[in-house]
Amino acid sequence: MSRGFVKEDDQEEVPIVPQRAYLPEGVTNFVTRAGMDQLLSEKQMLINEKDNLSSTNENEKRIALNYLNARLQLLNNRIAEAKIVDLREQPQNEIRFGALVTLKTGVSGKIQIFQIVGVDEADIAKGKISFISPLAKALINKKIGDKVSLKRDREDIVFEIMDIAYP
């Protein structure tokens, strides 16, 4: 049937689904065990939301269901591509994925603690930075006492590595 014979009201509204955290094409989706648990918990939450979906308007329910299905599809793809990194197998004296790193900022002497995690786990407010972030890339393979420089527009920030741990 030609689209000319379809009423405007009958057209399915395509839900706008926010993308997952950015992961460059071809980059392995590394996650910690906690990160995988977080993804699986999110999946269960979406399934529960889908199962408990109720609306008196059939069209609204269909749109909400399409939205949840689209989110689930993106999440399932992310879970399927995830590779859990066992933090006990990381070299304990070197910064690698999963490391909890204590840094001292060169000029101010301010102490900051960051954990290098997967893109879906990253949350700067919780001190978790993505392994693809500029700071994480600068820290990888470094050891206690090493200094790293992070390029900024106005001035570079120098960090000294004070401690490395794997929680």
C-alpha atoms as a PDB file:
ATOM      1  CA  MET A   1       0.000   0.000   0.000  1.00  0.00           C
ATOM      2  CA  SER A   2       1.220   3.479  -0.809  1.00  0.00           C
ATOM      3  CA  ARG A   3       2.139   5.727   2.142  1.00  0.00           C
ATOM      4  CA  GLY A   4      -0.268   8.272   0.629  1.00  0.00           C
ATOM      5  CA  PHE A   5      -3.199   6.233   1.933  1.00  0.00           C
ATOM      6  CA  VAL A   6      -2.040   6.094   5.557  1.00  0.00           C
ATOM      7  CA  LYS A   7      -3.580   8.544   7.998  1.00  0.00           C
ATOM      8  CA  GLU A   8      -1.119  10.747   9.876  1.00  0.00           C
ATOM      9  CA  ASP A   9      -2.510   9.455  13.202  1.00  0.00           C
ATOM     10  CA  ASP A  10      -1.634   5.868  12.223  1.00  0.00           C
ATOM     11  CA  GLN A  11       2.087   6.548  11.835  1.00  0.00           C
ATOM     12  CA  GLU A  12       4.198   4.884  14.522  1.00  0.00           C
ATOM     13  CA  GLU A  13       6.172   7.378  16.562  1.00  0.00           C
ATOM     14  CA  VAL A  14       9.805   6.336  16.644  1.00  0.00           C
ATOM     15  CA  PRO A  15      11.185   6.678  20.172  1.00  0.00           C
ATOM     16  CA  ILE A  16      14.385   8.666  20.617  1.00  0.00           C
ATOM     17  CA  VAL A  17      16.699   6.463  22.641  1.00  0.00           C
ATOM     18  CA  PRO A  18      19.833   7.958  24.186  1.00  0.00           C
ATOM     19  CA  GLN A  19      23.009   6.174  23.155  1.00  0.00           C
ATOM     20  CA  ARG A  20      25.096   4.273  25.673  1.00  0.00           C
ATOM     21  CA  ALA A  21      28.388   5.751  26.866  1.00  0.00           C
ATOM     22  CA  TYR A  22      30.778   6.290  23.956  1.00  0.00           C
ATOM     23  CA  LEU A  23      33.016   3.350  23.072  1.00  0.00           C
ATOM     24  CA  PRO A  24      35.094   3.747  19.898  1.00  0.00           C
ATOM     25  CA  GLU A  25      34.525   1.239  17.112  1.00  0.00           C
ATOM     26  CA  GLY A  26      36.778  -1.802  17.468  1.00  0.00           C
ATOM     27  CA  VAL A  27      37.721  -1.094  21.116  1.00  0.00           C
ATOM     28  CA  THR A  28      37.087  -3.978  23.513  1.00  0.00           C
ATOM     29  CA  ASN A  29      34.413  -3.210  26.095  1.00  0.00           C
ATOM     30  CA  PHE A  30      36.400  -3.923  29.266  1.00  0.00           C
ATOM     31  CA  VAL A  31      34.400  -3.993  32.501  1.00  0.00           C
ATOM     32  CA  THR A  32      35.088  -4.763  36.131  1.00  0.00           C
ATOM     33  CA  ARG A  33      32.990  -7.430  37.874  1.00  0.00           C
ATOM     34  CA  ALA A  34      31.099  -4.563  39.576  1.00  0.00           C
ATOM     35  CA  GLY A  35      30.559  -2.961  36.162  1.00  0.00           C
ATOM     36  CA  MET A  36      29.078  -6.171  34.746  1.00  0.00           C
ATOM     37  CA  ASP A  37      26.837  -6.494  37.809  1.00  0.00           C
ATOM     38  CA  GLN A  38      25.717  -2.897  37.201  1.00  0.00           C
ATOM     39  CA  LEU A  39      24.853  -3.677  33.556  1.00  0.00           C
ATOM     40  CA  LEU A  40      22.938  -6.827  34.531  1.00  0.00           C
ATOM     41  CA  SER A  41      21.071  -4.915  37.234  1.00  0.00           C
ATOM     42  CA  GLU A  42      20.120  -2.245  34.685  1.00  0.00           C
ATOM     43  CA  LYS A  43      18.889  -4.979  32.346  1.00  0.00           C
ATOM     44  CA  GLN A  44      16.707  -6.492  35.086  1.00  0.00           C
ATOM     45  CA  MET A  45      15.326  -3.053  35.920  1.00  0.00           C
ATOM     46  CA  LEU A  46      14.343  -2.493  32.257  1.00  0.00           C
ATOM     47  CA  ILE A  47      12.747  -5.950  32.058  1.00  0.00           C
ATOM     48  CA  ASN A  48      10.758  -5.238  35.228  1.00  0.00           C
ATOM     49  CA  GLU A  49       9.702  -1.854  33.854  1.00  0.00           C
ATOM     50  CA  LYS A  50       8.619  -3.525  30.620  1.00  0.00           C
ATOM     51  CA  ASP A  51       6.670  -6.245  32.475  1.00  0.00           C
ATOM     52  CA  ASN A  52       4.899  -3.681  34.663  1.00  0.00           C
ATOM     53  CA  LEU A  53       4.083  -1.283  31.851  1.00  0.00           C
ATOM     54  CA  SER A  54       0.518  -0.076  32.085  1.00  0.00           C
ATOM     55  CA  SER A  55      -1.304   2.607  30.229  1.00  0.00           C
ATOM     56  CA  THR A  56      -4.921   3.178  29.371  1.00  0.00           C
ATOM     57  CA  ASN A  57      -3.923   4.532  25.977  1.00  0.00           C
ATOM     58  CA  GLU A  58      -2.807   1.678  23.692  1.00  0.00           C
ATOM     59  CA  ASN A  59      -0.729   4.003  21.509  1.00  0.00           C
ATOM     60  CA  GLU A  60       1.201   5.373  24.506  1.00  0.00           C
ATOM     61  CA  LYS A  61       1.809   1.833  25.752  1.00  0.00           C
ATOM     62  CA  ARG A  62       3.154   0.751  22.341  1.00  0.00           C
ATOM     63  CA  ILE A  63       5.480   3.779  22.191  1.00  0.00           C
ATOM     64  CA  ALA A  64       6.742   3.103  25.739  1.00  0.00           C
ATOM     65  CA  LEU A  65       7.269  -0.570  24.874  1.00  0.00           C
ATOM     66  CA  ASN A  66       9.219   0.351  21.726  1.00  0.00           C
ATOM     67  CA  TYR A  67      11.386   2.699  23.802  1.00  0.00           C
ATOM     68  CA  LEU A  68      12.130   0.048  26.430  1.00  0.00           C
ATOM     69  CA  ASN A  69      12.846  -2.579  23.761  1.00  0.00           C
ATOM     70  CA  ALA A  70      15.281  -0.223  22.028  1.00  0.00           C
ATOM     71  CA  ARG A  71      17.082   0.484  25.330  1.00  0.00           C
ATOM     72  CA  LEU A  72      17.224  -3.237  26.072  1.00  0.00           C
ATOM     73  CA  GLN A  73      18.687  -3.959  22.643  1.00  0.00           C
ATOM     74  CA  LEU A  74      21.489  -1.406  23.148  1.00  0.00           C
ATOM     75  CA  LEU A  75      22.144  -2.755  26.640  1.00  0.00           C
ATOM     76  CA  ASN A  76      22.149  -6.396  25.479  1.00  0.00           C
ATOM     77  CA  ASN A  77      24.671  -5.507  22.765  1.00  0.00           C
ATOM     78  CA  ARG A  78      26.910  -3.833  25.360  1.00  0.00           C
ATOM     79  CA  ILE A  79      26.651  -6.838  27.697  1.00  0.00           C
ATOM     80  CA  ALA A  80      27.381  -9.299  24.878  1.00  0.00           C
ATOM     81  CA  GLU A  81      30.543  -7.375  23.939  1.00  0.00           C
ATOM     82  CA  ALA A  82      31.736  -6.937  27.552  1.00  0.00           C
ATOM     83  CA  LYS A  83      34.962  -8.563  28.707  1.00  0.00           C
ATOM     84  CA  ILE A  84      35.315  -8.820  32.486  1.00  0.00           C
ATOM     85  CA  VAL A  85      38.829  -8.067  33.715  1.00  0.00           C
ATOM     86  CA  ASP A  86      39.878  -9.980  36.838  1.00  0.00           C
ATOM     87  CA  LEU A  87      41.579  -7.312  38.946  1.00  0.00           C
ATOM     88  CA  ARG A  88      43.497  -9.968  40.917  1.00  0.00           C
ATOM     89  CA  GLU A  89      45.379 -10.825  37.721  1.00  0.00           C
ATOM     90  CA  GLN A  90      46.561  -7.258  37.121  1.00  0.00           C
ATOM     91  CA  PRO A  91      50.208  -6.421  37.966  1.00  0.00           C
ATOM     92  CA  GLN A  92      49.818  -4.939  41.450  1.00  0.00           C
ATOM     93  CA  ASN A  93      52.705  -2.470  41.101  1.00  0.00           C
ATOM     94  CA  GLU A  94      51.582  -1.038  37.752  1.00  0.00           C
ATOM     95  CA  ILE A  95      48.522   0.920  36.633  1.00  0.00           C
ATOM     96  CA  ARG A  96      46.213  -1.107  34.448  1.00  0.00           C
ATOM     97  CA  PHE A  97      42.475  -1.402  33.945  1.00  0.00           C
ATOM     98  CA  GLY A  98      40.662  -1.473  37.292  1.00  0.00           C
ATOM     99  CA  ALA A  99      43.432   0.206  39.272  1.00  0.00           C
ATOM    100  CA  LEU A 100      42.522   2.561  42.103  1.00  0.00           C
ATOM    101  CA  VAL A 101      45.132   5.299  41.719  1.00  0.00           C
ATOM    102  CA  THR A 102      46.052   7.972  44.266  1.00  0.00           C
ATOM    103  CA  LEU A 103      47.440  11.084  42.562  1.00  0.00           C
ATOM    104  CA  LYS A 104      48.968  14.285  43.847  1.00  0.00           C
ATOM    105  CA  THR A 105      48.497  17.340  41.658  1.00  0.00           C
ATOM    106  CA  GLY A 106      51.841  19.020  41.028  1.00  0.00           C
ATOM    107  CA  VAL A 107      51.078  22.684  41.701  1.00  0.00           C
ATOM    108  CA  SER A 108      48.408  22.487  44.412  1.00  0.00           C
ATOM    109  CA  GLY A 109      49.497  19.238  46.037  1.00  0.00           C
ATOM    110  CA  LYS A 110      45.834  18.187  46.084  1.00  0.00           C
ATOM    111  CA  ILE A 111      45.291  14.436  46.512  1.00  0.00           C
ATOM    112  CA  GLN A 112      42.775  12.747  44.203  1.00  0.00           C
ATOM    113  CA  ILE A 113      41.783   9.110  43.909  1.00  0.00           C
ATOM    114  CA  PHE A 114      40.469   7.613  40.678  1.00  0.00           C
ATOM    115  CA  GLN A 115      39.607   4.104  39.569  1.00  0.00           C
ATOM    116  CA  ILE A 116      40.038   3.206  35.910  1.00  0.00           C
ATOM    117  CA  VAL A 117      36.842   1.429  34.820  1.00  0.00           C
ATOM    118  CA  GLY A 118      34.700   0.614  31.789  1.00  0.00           C
ATOM    119  CA  VAL A 119      32.841   3.281  29.839  1.00  0.00           C
ATOM    120  CA  ASP A 120      29.462   2.348  31.338  1.00  0.00           C
ATOM    121  CA  GLU A 121      30.861   2.452  34.896  1.00  0.00           C
ATOM    122  CA  ALA A 122      32.566   5.825  34.562  1.00  0.00           C
ATOM    123  CA  ASP A 123      31.244   8.455  36.958  1.00  0.00           C
ATOM    124  CA  ILE A 124      33.624  11.294  37.814  1.00  0.00           C
ATOM    125  CA  ALA A 125      31.543  12.215  40.882  1.00  0.00           C
ATOM    126  CA  LYS A 126      32.363   8.755  42.275  1.00  0.00           C
ATOM    127  CA  GLY A 127      36.023   8.946  41.238  1.00  0.00           C
ATOM    128  CA  LYS A 128      35.588   6.470  38.373  1.00  0.00           C
ATOM    129  CA  ILE A 129      37.149   7.356  35.037  1.00  0.00           C
ATOM    130  CA  SER A 130      36.786   5.527  31.751  1.00  0.00           C
ATOM    131  CA  PHE A 131      39.791   3.620  30.445  1.00  0.00           C
ATOM    132  CA  ILE A 132      39.516   5.615  27.207  1.00  0.00           C
ATOM    133  CA  SER A 133      39.727   8.986  28.993  1.00  0.00           C
ATOM    134  CA  PRO A 134      42.873  11.089  28.447  1.00  0.00           C
ATOM    135  CA  LEU A 135      43.909  10.779  32.114  1.00  0.00           C
ATOM    136  CA  ALA A 136      43.493   6.991  32.160  1.00  0.00           C
ATOM    137  CA  LYS A 137      45.474   6.662  28.925  1.00  0.00           C
ATOM    138  CA  ALA A 138      48.278   8.753  30.437  1.00  0.00           C
ATOM    139  CA  LEU A 139      48.318   6.606  33.604  1.00  0.00           C
ATOM    140  CA  ILE A 140      48.344   3.140  32.015  1.00  0.00           C
ATOM    141  CA  ASN A 141      51.606   1.207  32.633  1.00  0.00           C
ATOM    142  CA  LYS A 142      52.912   3.801  35.122  1.00  0.00           C
ATOM    143  CA  LYS A 143      54.189   2.994  38.620  1.00  0.00           C
ATOM    144  CA  ILE A 144      54.299   4.661  42.037  1.00  0.00           C
ATOM    145  CA  GLY A 145      56.539   7.733  41.921  1.00  0.00           C
ATOM    146  CA  ASP A 146      56.060   8.292  38.175  1.00  0.00           C
ATOM    147  CA  LYS A 147      54.724  11.616  36.970  1.00  0.00           C
ATOM    148  CA  VAL A 148      52.260  12.102  34.156  1.00  0.00           C
ATOM    149  CA  SER A 149      51.305  15.262  32.355  1.00  0.00           C
ATOM    150  CA  LEU A 150      47.795  15.942  31.123  1.00  0.00           C
ATOM    151  CA  LYS A 151      47.635  18.481  28.296  1.00  0.00           C
ATOM    152  CA  ARG A 152      45.164  21.297  28.931  1.00  0.00           C
ATOM    153  CA  ASP A 153      44.328  24.422  26.942  1.00  0.00           C
ATOM    154  CA  ARG A 154      45.941  26.905  29.314  1.00  0.00           C
ATOM    155  CA  GLU A 155      48.528  24.814  31.093  1.00  0.00           C
ATOM    156  CA  ASP A 156      49.494  21.179  31.520  1.00  0.00           C
ATOM    157  CA  ILE A 157      48.534  19.446  34.761  1.00  0.00           C
ATOM    158  CA  VAL A 158      51.225  17.234  36.271  1.00  0.00           C
ATOM    159  CA  PHE A 159      50.223  14.361  38.538  1.00  0.00           C
ATOM    160  CA  GLU A 160      52.511  12.268  40.704  1.00  0.00           C
ATOM    161  CA  ILE A 161      51.395   8.691  41.330  1.00  0.00           C
ATOM    162  CA  MET A 162      51.295   8.138  45.086  1.00  0.00           C
ATOM    163  CA  ASP A 163      49.603   4.718  45.333  1.00  0.00           C
ATOM    164  CA  ILE A 164      48.156   1.905  43.218  1.00  0.00           C
ATOM    165  CA  ALA A 165      45.616  -0.625  44.495  1.00  0.00           C
ATOM    166  CA  TYR A 166      43.200  -3.124  42.983  1.00  0.00           C
ATOM    167  CA  PRO A 167      39.966  -3.232  45.004  1.00  0.00           C
END
